Amino acid sequence: MKKILSAILILITLTGCKSIERNITPTDTVAGKTISPSVTSGENGKNIVITIPAVFYQDQNVQEAINEAKNQGKVEEGVVNSDGSVTYTMTREQYDRLLNDIKIEIDKSLNSLKDGETYPSIKDVSHSDDYSEFTFTVIRKDYENSLDAIASYTAAAGSMLYNIVKNNQLKNPTITINIKDNNTGEIFDTIKYPDDFTP
Protein backbone atom coordinates (compact mmCIF):
# COMPACT_ATOMS: atom_id res chain seq x y z
CA MET A 1 0.00 0.00 0.00
CA LYS A 2 2.78 2.32 -1.03
CA LYS A 3 1.78 5.70 -2.46
CA ILE A 4 3.88 8.48 -3.90
CA LEU A 5 3.50 11.43 -1.53
CA SER A 6 6.43 13.50 -2.79
CA ALA A 7 4.27 16.32 -4.05
CA ILE A 8 3.16 17.16 -0.53
CA LEU A 9 6.26 16.39 1.47
CA ILE A 10 8.25 19.14 3.07
CA LEU A 11 11.44 18.26 1.25
CA ILE A 12 9.89 19.29 -2.03
CA THR A 13 8.68 22.63 -0.75
CA LEU A 14 11.88 23.44 1.08
CA THR A 15 14.55 22.13 -1.22
CA GLY A 16 13.10 20.89 -4.48
CA CYS A 17 15.19 17.74 -4.09
CA LYS A 18 14.36 14.23 -5.29
CA SER A 19 10.96 12.74 -4.60
CA ILE A 20 10.27 10.32 -1.79
CA GLU A 21 8.13 7.21 -2.06
CA ARG A 22 6.81 6.27 1.33
CA ASN A 23 3.64 5.14 3.01
CA ILE A 24 2.95 7.80 5.63
CA THR A 25 -0.02 7.68 7.96
CA PRO A 26 -1.38 10.57 10.04
CA THR A 27 -0.53 8.76 13.27
CA ASP A 28 3.23 9.16 12.74
CA THR A 29 4.64 11.24 15.60
CA VAL A 30 8.01 12.22 16.97
CA ALA A 31 8.46 11.04 20.54
CA GLY A 32 4.81 11.88 21.19
CA LYS A 33 5.51 15.59 20.88
CA THR A 34 3.41 18.28 19.26
CA ILE A 35 5.53 20.31 16.87
CA SER A 36 4.89 24.02 17.38
CA PRO A 37 6.20 26.83 15.19
CA SER A 38 7.47 29.64 17.38
CA VAL A 39 8.74 33.17 16.91
CA THR A 40 12.20 34.33 17.94
CA SER A 41 14.01 37.63 17.64
CA GLY A 42 16.28 37.89 14.63
CA GLU A 43 18.76 40.40 13.30
CA ASN A 44 16.16 41.80 10.93
CA GLY A 45 13.17 41.55 13.24
CA LYS A 46 11.10 38.46 14.00
CA ASN A 47 12.03 35.04 12.64
CA ILE A 48 9.84 31.94 12.52
CA VAL A 49 11.11 28.65 13.93
CA ILE A 50 9.46 25.37 12.89
CA THR A 51 10.43 21.76 13.54
CA ILE A 52 9.72 19.12 10.90
CA PRO A 53 9.49 15.50 12.16
CA ALA A 54 12.10 12.94 11.19
CA VAL A 55 9.46 10.87 9.37
CA PHE A 56 9.63 13.34 6.48
CA TYR A 57 13.35 12.75 6.01
CA GLN A 58 13.64 8.98 5.92
CA ASP A 59 16.38 7.74 3.57
CA GLN A 60 17.45 11.30 2.76
CA ASN A 61 20.72 13.16 3.26
CA VAL A 62 19.29 15.68 5.71
CA GLN A 63 22.31 17.97 5.89
CA GLU A 64 22.42 18.14 2.12
CA ALA A 65 18.75 19.11 2.09
CA ILE A 66 19.38 21.82 4.68
CA ASN A 67 22.34 23.22 2.74
CA GLU A 68 20.34 23.31 -0.48
CA ALA A 69 17.44 25.11 1.22
CA LYS A 70 19.84 27.70 2.64
CA ASN A 71 21.63 28.18 -0.69
CA GLN A 72 18.30 28.77 -2.41
CA GLY A 73 17.30 31.36 0.19
CA LYS A 74 14.35 29.31 1.42
CA VAL A 75 15.51 29.22 5.05
CA GLU A 76 17.98 31.14 7.19
CA GLU A 77 19.20 28.13 9.16
CA GLY A 78 18.52 24.45 9.70
CA VAL A 79 19.60 22.18 12.56
CA VAL A 80 19.27 18.40 12.82
CA ASN A 81 17.99 17.40 16.26
CA SER A 82 18.92 14.28 18.21
CA ASP A 83 15.60 12.59 17.31
CA GLY A 84 16.19 13.15 13.60
CA SER A 85 13.77 16.04 13.28
CA VAL A 86 14.95 19.27 11.69
CA THR A 87 14.45 22.75 13.12
CA TYR A 88 14.37 25.54 10.56
CA THR A 89 14.68 29.25 11.18
CA MET A 90 13.19 31.50 8.52
CA THR A 91 12.00 35.02 7.98
CA ARG A 92 8.31 35.84 7.87
CA GLU A 93 8.56 36.21 4.09
CA GLN A 94 10.20 32.79 3.73
CA TYR A 95 7.59 31.25 6.04
CA ASP A 96 4.67 32.74 4.11
CA ARG A 97 6.20 31.53 0.85
CA LEU A 98 6.59 28.03 2.31
CA LEU A 99 2.94 27.90 3.37
CA ASN A 100 1.85 29.01 -0.07
CA ASP A 101 4.10 26.41 -1.73
CA ILE A 102 2.69 23.68 0.52
CA LYS A 103 -0.88 24.62 -0.43
CA ILE A 104 0.02 24.58 -4.13
CA GLU A 105 1.64 21.14 -3.87
CA ILE A 106 -1.24 19.71 -1.83
CA ASP A 107 -3.72 20.94 -4.43
CA LYS A 108 -1.62 19.42 -7.21
CA SER A 109 -1.65 16.08 -5.41
CA LEU A 110 -5.40 16.23 -4.85
CA ASN A 111 -5.99 17.11 -8.51
CA SER A 112 -3.95 14.07 -9.53
CA LEU A 113 -6.37 11.84 -7.61
CA LYS A 114 -9.20 12.69 -9.99
CA ASP A 115 -7.35 12.43 -13.29
CA GLY A 116 -8.87 8.97 -13.86
CA GLU A 117 -5.56 7.17 -14.21
CA THR A 118 -4.58 5.81 -10.79
CA TYR A 119 -8.02 6.01 -9.15
CA PRO A 120 -10.68 5.62 -11.88
CA SER A 121 -13.64 5.78 -9.50
CA ILE A 122 -12.76 9.23 -8.13
CA LYS A 123 -14.39 12.02 -10.12
CA ASP A 124 -13.77 15.02 -7.89
CA VAL A 125 -11.98 16.06 -4.70
CA SER A 126 -12.86 19.16 -2.70
CA HIS A 127 -11.56 20.39 0.66
CA SER A 128 -12.04 22.98 3.38
CA ASP A 129 -9.73 26.00 3.47
CA ASP A 130 -7.71 24.52 6.34
CA TYR A 131 -7.47 21.04 4.76
CA SER A 132 -9.19 19.43 7.75
CA GLU A 133 -12.13 18.07 5.74
CA PHE A 134 -12.24 16.53 2.28
CA THR A 135 -15.00 15.23 0.03
CA PHE A 136 -14.27 12.56 -2.56
CA THR A 137 -16.99 12.35 -5.22
CA VAL A 138 -16.90 8.84 -6.66
CA ILE A 139 -18.68 6.29 -8.81
CA ARG A 140 -19.90 4.23 -5.87
CA LYS A 141 -19.93 0.79 -7.43
CA ASP A 142 -16.44 1.22 -8.89
CA TYR A 143 -15.14 2.69 -5.63
CA GLU A 144 -16.49 -0.14 -3.48
CA ASN A 145 -15.02 -2.75 -5.80
CA SER A 146 -11.54 -1.26 -5.89
CA LEU A 147 -8.72 -0.13 -3.63
CA ASP A 148 -9.29 3.54 -4.44
CA ALA A 149 -9.87 4.28 -0.74
CA ILE A 150 -6.07 4.30 -0.50
CA ALA A 151 -6.23 7.78 -2.02
CA SER A 152 -7.42 9.07 1.34
CA TYR A 153 -3.84 8.70 2.62
CA THR A 154 -2.72 11.44 0.24
CA ALA A 155 -5.32 13.83 1.60
CA ALA A 156 -4.53 12.91 5.21
CA ALA A 157 -0.77 13.32 4.77
CA GLY A 158 -1.28 16.70 3.12
CA SER A 159 -3.46 17.82 6.00
CA MET A 160 -0.90 16.61 8.52
CA LEU A 161 1.86 18.59 6.83
CA TYR A 162 -0.25 21.73 6.63
CA ASN A 163 -1.08 21.39 10.34
CA ILE A 164 2.59 21.10 11.26
CA VAL A 165 3.51 24.35 9.58
CA LYS A 166 0.34 26.42 9.84
CA ASN A 167 -1.69 25.30 12.83
CA ASN A 168 1.05 24.26 15.28
CA GLN A 169 -0.45 20.79 15.38
CA LEU A 170 1.07 17.42 14.64
CA LYS A 171 -0.22 15.08 17.31
CA ASN A 172 -3.44 13.38 16.22
CA PRO A 173 -5.11 16.11 14.14
CA THR A 174 -8.68 15.22 13.24
CA ILE A 175 -9.06 14.80 9.49
CA THR A 176 -12.45 13.97 7.96
CA ILE A 177 -12.81 12.47 4.49
CA ASN A 178 -16.36 12.14 3.17
CA ILE A 179 -17.07 9.75 0.29
CA LYS A 180 -19.96 10.98 -1.88
CA ASP A 181 -21.93 9.12 -4.52
CA ASN A 182 -21.50 10.87 -7.87
CA ASN A 183 -25.06 9.99 -8.96
CA THR A 184 -27.13 10.60 -5.83
CA GLY A 185 -25.01 13.08 -3.86
CA GLU A 186 -25.26 10.79 -0.81
CA ILE A 187 -22.36 10.68 1.65
CA PHE A 188 -22.16 6.91 2.02
CA ASP A 189 -18.91 6.66 3.94
CA THR A 190 -16.79 8.85 6.18
CA ILE A 191 -13.18 8.17 7.09
CA LYS A 192 -11.70 9.91 10.11
CA TYR A 193 -7.96 10.05 10.75
CA PRO A 194 -6.62 8.96 13.15
CA ASP A 195 -9.80 7.82 14.93
CA ASP A 196 -10.65 5.01 12.50
CA PHE A 197 -7.10 3.67 12.75
CA THR A 198 -6.66 3.80 16.54
CA PRO A 199 -6.78 0.39 18.25
C-alpha atoms as a PDB file:
ATOM      1  CA  MET A   1       0.000   0.000   0.000  1.00  0.00           C
ATOM      2  CA  LYS A   2       2.778   2.317  -1.026  1.00  0.00           C
ATOM      3  CA  LYS A   3       1.782   5.699  -2.464  1.00  0.00           C
ATOM      4  CA  ILE A   4       3.881   8.475  -3.904  1.00  0.00           C
ATOM      5  CA  LEU A   5       3.499  11.426  -1.535  1.00  0.00           C
ATOM      6  CA  SER A   6       6.434  13.495  -2.785  1.00  0.00           C
ATOM      7  CA  ALA A   7       4.266  16.316  -4.045  1.00  0.00           C
ATOM      8  CA  ILE A   8       3.156  17.155  -0.526  1.00  0.00           C
ATOM      9  CA  LEU A   9       6.261  16.385   1.471  1.00  0.00           C
ATOM     10  CA  ILE A  10       8.247  19.145   3.066  1.00  0.00           C
ATOM     11  CA  LEU A  11      11.445  18.262   1.245  1.00  0.00           C
ATOM     12  CA  ILE A  12       9.887  19.285  -2.029  1.00  0.00           C
ATOM     13  CA  THR A  13       8.680  22.626  -0.749  1.00  0.00           C
ATOM     14  CA  LEU A  14      11.884  23.440   1.083  1.00  0.00           C
ATOM     15  CA  THR A  15      14.550  22.131  -1.223  1.00  0.00           C
ATOM     16  CA  GLY A  16      13.105  20.893  -4.479  1.00  0.00           C
ATOM     17  CA  CYS A  17      15.188  17.736  -4.089  1.00  0.00           C
ATOM     18  CA  LYS A  18      14.360  14.231  -5.292  1.00  0.00           C
ATOM     19  CA  SER A  19      10.963  12.745  -4.599  1.00  0.00           C
ATOM     20  CA  ILE A  20      10.271  10.316  -1.794  1.00  0.00           C
ATOM     21  CA  GLU A  21       8.129   7.211  -2.062  1.00  0.00           C
ATOM     22  CA  ARG A  22       6.807   6.273   1.326  1.00  0.00           C
ATOM     23  CA  ASN A  23       3.636   5.137   3.006  1.00  0.00           C
ATOM     24  CA  ILE A  24       2.947   7.801   5.633  1.00  0.00           C
ATOM     25  CA  THR A  25      -0.018   7.682   7.959  1.00  0.00           C
ATOM     26  CA  PRO A  26      -1.381  10.567  10.035  1.00  0.00           C
ATOM     27  CA  THR A  27      -0.532   8.757  13.273  1.00  0.00           C
ATOM     28  CA  ASP A  28       3.235   9.162  12.744  1.00  0.00           C
ATOM     29  CA  THR A  29       4.639  11.235  15.603  1.00  0.00           C
ATOM     30  CA  VAL A  30       8.011  12.220  16.972  1.00  0.00           C
ATOM     31  CA  ALA A  31       8.463  11.035  20.544  1.00  0.00           C
ATOM     32  CA  GLY A  32       4.815  11.883  21.193  1.00  0.00           C
ATOM     33  CA  LYS A  33       5.513  15.594  20.876  1.00  0.00           C
ATOM     34  CA  THR A  34       3.412  18.281  19.264  1.00  0.00           C
ATOM     35  CA  ILE A  35       5.530  20.312  16.871  1.00  0.00           C
ATOM     36  CA  SER A  36       4.886  24.022  17.376  1.00  0.00           C
ATOM     37  CA  PRO A  37       6.204  26.826  15.191  1.00  0.00           C
ATOM     38  CA  SER A  38       7.471  29.637  17.380  1.00  0.00           C
ATOM     39  CA  VAL A  39       8.743  33.173  16.907  1.00  0.00           C
ATOM     40  CA  THR A  40      12.203  34.327  17.942  1.00  0.00           C
ATOM     41  CA  SER A  41      14.009  37.633  17.642  1.00  0.00           C
ATOM     42  CA  GLY A  42      16.281  37.890  14.630  1.00  0.00           C
ATOM     43  CA  GLU A  43      18.756  40.404  13.296  1.00  0.00           C
ATOM     44  CA  ASN A  44      16.164  41.801  10.925  1.00  0.00           C
ATOM     45  CA  GLY A  45      13.165  41.553  13.242  1.00  0.00           C
ATOM     46  CA  LYS A  46      11.104  38.462  13.997  1.00  0.00           C
ATOM     47  CA  ASN A  47      12.032  35.042  12.644  1.00  0.00           C
ATOM     48  CA  ILE A  48       9.840  31.944  12.518  1.00  0.00           C
ATOM     49  CA  VAL A  49      11.113  28.648  13.933  1.00  0.00           C
ATOM     50  CA  ILE A  50       9.461  25.373  12.885  1.00  0.00           C
ATOM     51  CA  THR A  51      10.431  21.761  13.537  1.00  0.00           C
ATOM     52  CA  ILE A  52       9.722  19.122  10.897  1.00  0.00           C
ATOM     53  CA  PRO A  53       9.486  15.497  12.164  1.00  0.00           C
ATOM     54  CA  ALA A  54      12.102  12.937  11.195  1.00  0.00           C
ATOM     55  CA  VAL A  55       9.462  10.867   9.371  1.00  0.00           C
ATOM     56  CA  PHE A  56       9.630  13.342   6.479  1.00  0.00           C
ATOM     57  CA  TYR A  57      13.348  12.751   6.006  1.00  0.00           C
ATOM     58  CA  GLN A  58      13.637   8.982   5.916  1.00  0.00           C
ATOM     59  CA  ASP A  59      16.383   7.738   3.571  1.00  0.00           C
ATOM     60  CA  GLN A  60      17.454  11.299   2.759  1.00  0.00           C
ATOM     61  CA  ASN A  61      20.721  13.163   3.261  1.00  0.00           C
ATOM     62  CA  VAL A  62      19.287  15.678   5.713  1.00  0.00           C
ATOM     63  CA  GLN A  63      22.314  17.973   5.893  1.00  0.00           C
ATOM     64  CA  GLU A  64      22.419  18.137   2.120  1.00  0.00           C
ATOM     65  CA  ALA A  65      18.749  19.113   2.094  1.00  0.00           C
ATOM     66  CA  ILE A  66      19.378  21.824   4.675  1.00  0.00           C
ATOM     67  CA  ASN A  67      22.336  23.222   2.735  1.00  0.00           C
ATOM     68  CA  GLU A  68      20.338  23.314  -0.477  1.00  0.00           C
ATOM     69  CA  ALA A  69      17.439  25.114   1.220  1.00  0.00           C
ATOM     70  CA  LYS A  70      19.841  27.700   2.636  1.00  0.00           C
ATOM     71  CA  ASN A  71      21.630  28.176  -0.689  1.00  0.00           C
ATOM     72  CA  GLN A  72      18.300  28.774  -2.408  1.00  0.00           C
ATOM     73  CA  GLY A  73      17.302  31.361   0.190  1.00  0.00           C
ATOM     74  CA  LYS A  74      14.351  29.314   1.418  1.00  0.00           C
ATOM     75  CA  VAL A  75      15.508  29.223   5.051  1.00  0.00           C
ATOM     76  CA  GLU A  76      17.976  31.135   7.193  1.00  0.00           C
ATOM     77  CA  GLU A  77      19.202  28.135   9.160  1.00  0.00           C
ATOM     78  CA  GLY A  78      18.517  24.448   9.700  1.00  0.00           C
ATOM     79  CA  VAL A  79      19.604  22.184  12.557  1.00  0.00           C
ATOM     80  CA  VAL A  80      19.274  18.403  12.817  1.00  0.00           C
ATOM     81  CA  ASN A  81      17.987  17.404  16.262  1.00  0.00           C
ATOM     82  CA  SER A  82      18.916  14.275  18.211  1.00  0.00           C
ATOM     83  CA  ASP A  83      15.599  12.587  17.311  1.00  0.00           C
ATOM     84  CA  GLY A  84      16.189  13.146  13.600  1.00  0.00           C
ATOM     85  CA  SER A  85      13.770  16.043  13.280  1.00  0.00           C
ATOM     86  CA  VAL A  86      14.954  19.266  11.689  1.00  0.00           C
ATOM     87  CA  THR A  87      14.447  22.752  13.122  1.00  0.00           C
ATOM     88  CA  TYR A  88      14.372  25.536  10.562  1.00  0.00           C
ATOM     89  CA  THR A  89      14.677  29.252  11.181  1.00  0.00           C
ATOM     90  CA  MET A  90      13.193  31.496   8.522  1.00  0.00           C
ATOM     91  CA  THR A  91      12.004  35.024   7.980  1.00  0.00           C
ATOM     92  CA  ARG A  92       8.313  35.837   7.870  1.00  0.00           C
ATOM     93  CA  GLU A  93       8.564  36.205   4.093  1.00  0.00           C
ATOM     94  CA  GLN A  94      10.198  32.791   3.729  1.00  0.00           C
ATOM     95  CA  TYR A  95       7.592  31.252   6.042  1.00  0.00           C
ATOM     96  CA  ASP A  96       4.674  32.736   4.110  1.00  0.00           C
ATOM     97  CA  ARG A  97       6.199  31.532   0.853  1.00  0.00           C
ATOM     98  CA  LEU A  98       6.594  28.028   2.313  1.00  0.00           C
ATOM     99  CA  LEU A  99       2.943  27.905   3.368  1.00  0.00           C
ATOM    100  CA  ASN A 100       1.850  29.006  -0.070  1.00  0.00           C
ATOM    101  CA  ASP A 101       4.103  26.409  -1.726  1.00  0.00           C
ATOM    102  CA  ILE A 102       2.693  23.677   0.515  1.00  0.00           C
ATOM    103  CA  LYS A 103      -0.876  24.620  -0.434  1.00  0.00           C
ATOM    104  CA  ILE A 104       0.021  24.582  -4.132  1.00  0.00           C
ATOM    105  CA  GLU A 105       1.642  21.139  -3.865  1.00  0.00           C
ATOM    106  CA  ILE A 106      -1.245  19.712  -1.826  1.00  0.00           C
ATOM    107  CA  ASP A 107      -3.716  20.945  -4.427  1.00  0.00           C
ATOM    108  CA  LYS A 108      -1.623  19.423  -7.209  1.00  0.00           C
ATOM    109  CA  SER A 109      -1.650  16.080  -5.410  1.00  0.00           C
ATOM    110  CA  LEU A 110      -5.403  16.233  -4.853  1.00  0.00           C
ATOM    111  CA  ASN A 111      -5.988  17.107  -8.506  1.00  0.00           C
ATOM    112  CA  SER A 112      -3.949  14.072  -9.534  1.00  0.00           C
ATOM    113  CA  LEU A 113      -6.370  11.845  -7.606  1.00  0.00           C
ATOM    114  CA  LYS A 114      -9.198  12.692  -9.994  1.00  0.00           C
ATOM    115  CA  ASP A 115      -7.353  12.428 -13.292  1.00  0.00           C
ATOM    116  CA  GLY A 116      -8.868   8.974 -13.863  1.00  0.00           C
ATOM    117  CA  GLU A 117      -5.555   7.170 -14.212  1.00  0.00           C
ATOM    118  CA  THR A 118      -4.584   5.814 -10.790  1.00  0.00           C
ATOM    119  CA  TYR A 119      -8.019   6.008  -9.149  1.00  0.00           C
ATOM    120  CA  PRO A 120     -10.675   5.624 -11.882  1.00  0.00           C
ATOM    121  CA  SER A 121     -13.641   5.777  -9.496  1.00  0.00           C
ATOM    122  CA  ILE A 122     -12.759   9.228  -8.127  1.00  0.00           C
ATOM    123  CA  LYS A 123     -14.391  12.019 -10.122  1.00  0.00           C
ATOM    124  CA  ASP A 124     -13.773  15.024  -7.893  1.00  0.00           C
ATOM    125  CA  VAL A 125     -11.978  16.056  -4.705  1.00  0.00           C
ATOM    126  CA  SER A 126     -12.858  19.155  -2.697  1.00  0.00           C
ATOM    127  CA  HIS A 127     -11.557  20.393   0.663  1.00  0.00           C
ATOM    128  CA  SER A 128     -12.036  22.983   3.380  1.00  0.00           C
ATOM    129  CA  ASP A 129      -9.735  25.995   3.467  1.00  0.00           C
ATOM    130  CA  ASP A 130      -7.710  24.519   6.345  1.00  0.00           C
ATOM    131  CA  TYR A 131      -7.470  21.038   4.761  1.00  0.00           C
ATOM    132  CA  SER A 132      -9.192  19.431   7.747  1.00  0.00           C
ATOM    133  CA  GLU A 133     -12.126  18.073   5.736  1.00  0.00           C
ATOM    134  CA  PHE A 134     -12.242  16.530   2.277  1.00  0.00           C
ATOM    135  CA  THR A 135     -15.003  15.232   0.030  1.00  0.00           C
ATOM    136  CA  PHE A 136     -14.271  12.563  -2.564  1.00  0.00           C
ATOM    137  CA  THR A 137     -16.991  12.347  -5.224  1.00  0.00           C
ATOM    138  CA  VAL A 138     -16.901   8.840  -6.659  1.00  0.00           C
ATOM    139  CA  ILE A 139     -18.682   6.291  -8.813  1.00  0.00           C
ATOM    140  CA  ARG A 140     -19.901   4.229  -5.872  1.00  0.00           C
ATOM    141  CA  LYS A 141     -19.930   0.787  -7.425  1.00  0.00           C
ATOM    142  CA  ASP A 142     -16.441   1.223  -8.888  1.00  0.00           C
ATOM    143  CA  TYR A 143     -15.139   2.686  -5.627  1.00  0.00           C
ATOM    144  CA  GLU A 144     -16.492  -0.138  -3.475  1.00  0.00           C
ATOM    145  CA  ASN A 145     -15.016  -2.751  -5.798  1.00  0.00           C
ATOM    146  CA  SER A 146     -11.541  -1.260  -5.889  1.00  0.00           C
ATOM    147  CA  LEU A 147      -8.718  -0.134  -3.635  1.00  0.00           C
ATOM    148  CA  ASP A 148      -9.294   3.536  -4.439  1.00  0.00           C
ATOM    149  CA  ALA A 149      -9.866   4.277  -0.745  1.00  0.00           C
ATOM    150  CA  ILE A 150      -6.068   4.303  -0.497  1.00  0.00           C
ATOM    151  CA  ALA A 151      -6.228   7.782  -2.023  1.00  0.00           C
ATOM    152  CA  SER A 152      -7.415   9.069   1.343  1.00  0.00           C
ATOM    153  CA  TYR A 153      -3.836   8.703   2.616  1.00  0.00           C
ATOM    154  CA  THR A 154      -2.716  11.441   0.244  1.00  0.00           C
ATOM    155  CA  ALA A 155      -5.323  13.833   1.600  1.00  0.00           C
ATOM    156  CA  ALA A 156      -4.528  12.906   5.205  1.00  0.00           C
ATOM    157  CA  ALA A 157      -0.774  13.316   4.774  1.00  0.00           C
ATOM    158  CA  GLY A 158      -1.278  16.700   3.123  1.00  0.00           C
ATOM    159  CA  SER A 159      -3.462  17.823   6.003  1.00  0.00           C
ATOM    160  CA  MET A 160      -0.905  16.612   8.524  1.00  0.00           C
ATOM    161  CA  LEU A 161       1.863  18.588   6.834  1.00  0.00           C
ATOM    162  CA  TYR A 162      -0.246  21.729   6.631  1.00  0.00           C
ATOM    163  CA  ASN A 163      -1.084  21.393  10.339  1.00  0.00           C
ATOM    164  CA  ILE A 164       2.586  21.095  11.264  1.00  0.00           C
ATOM    165  CA  VAL A 165       3.512  24.347   9.578  1.00  0.00           C
ATOM    166  CA  LYS A 166       0.336  26.420   9.837  1.00  0.00           C
ATOM    167  CA  ASN A 167      -1.695  25.301  12.832  1.00  0.00           C
ATOM    168  CA  ASN A 168       1.046  24.261  15.282  1.00  0.00           C
ATOM    169  CA  GLN A 169      -0.450  20.792  15.380  1.00  0.00           C
ATOM    170  CA  LEU A 170       1.066  17.418  14.640  1.00  0.00           C
ATOM    171  CA  LYS A 171      -0.215  15.077  17.311  1.00  0.00           C
ATOM    172  CA  ASN A 172      -3.443  13.379  16.223  1.00  0.00           C
ATOM    173  CA  PRO A 173      -5.108  16.105  14.136  1.00  0.00           C
ATOM    174  CA  THR A 174      -8.684  15.220  13.238  1.00  0.00           C
ATOM    175  CA  ILE A 175      -9.057  14.796   9.490  1.00  0.00           C
ATOM    176  CA  THR A 176     -12.449  13.975   7.955  1.00  0.00           C
ATOM    177  CA  ILE A 177     -12.815  12.474   4.490  1.00  0.00           C
ATOM    178  CA  ASN A 178     -16.362  12.138   3.168  1.00  0.00           C
ATOM    179  CA  ILE A 179     -17.073   9.754   0.290  1.00  0.00           C
ATOM    180  CA  LYS A 180     -19.961  10.982  -1.877  1.00  0.00           C
ATOM    181  CA  ASP A 181     -21.932   9.117  -4.522  1.00  0.00           C
ATOM    182  CA  ASN A 182     -21.505  10.871  -7.869  1.00  0.00           C
ATOM    183  CA  ASN A 183     -25.057   9.995  -8.961  1.00  0.00           C
ATOM    184  CA  THR A 184     -27.131  10.601  -5.831  1.00  0.00           C
ATOM    185  CA  GLY A 185     -25.009  13.083  -3.857  1.00  0.00           C
ATOM    186  CA  GLU A 186     -25.263  10.792  -0.812  1.00  0.00           C
ATOM    187  CA  ILE A 187     -22.361  10.682   1.646  1.00  0.00           C
ATOM    188  CA  PHE A 188     -22.161   6.909   2.016  1.00  0.00           C
ATOM    189  CA  ASP A 189     -18.912   6.660   3.941  1.00  0.00           C
ATOM    190  CA  THR A 190     -16.791   8.855   6.181  1.00  0.00           C
ATOM    191  CA  ILE A 191     -13.180   8.175   7.085  1.00  0.00           C
ATOM    192  CA  LYS A 192     -11.696   9.910  10.115  1.00  0.00           C
ATOM    193  CA  TYR A 193      -7.957  10.052  10.753  1.00  0.00           C
ATOM    194  CA  PRO A 194      -6.617   8.962  13.151  1.00  0.00           C
ATOM    195  CA  ASP A 195      -9.800   7.817  14.934  1.00  0.00           C
ATOM    196  CA  ASP A 196     -10.645   5.014  12.505  1.00  0.00           C
ATOM    197  CA  PHE A 197      -7.097   3.673  12.754  1.00  0.00           C
ATOM    198  CA  THR A 198      -6.656   3.797  16.541  1.00  0.00           C
ATOM    199  CA  PRO A 199      -6.780   0.389  18.251  1.00  0.00           C
END
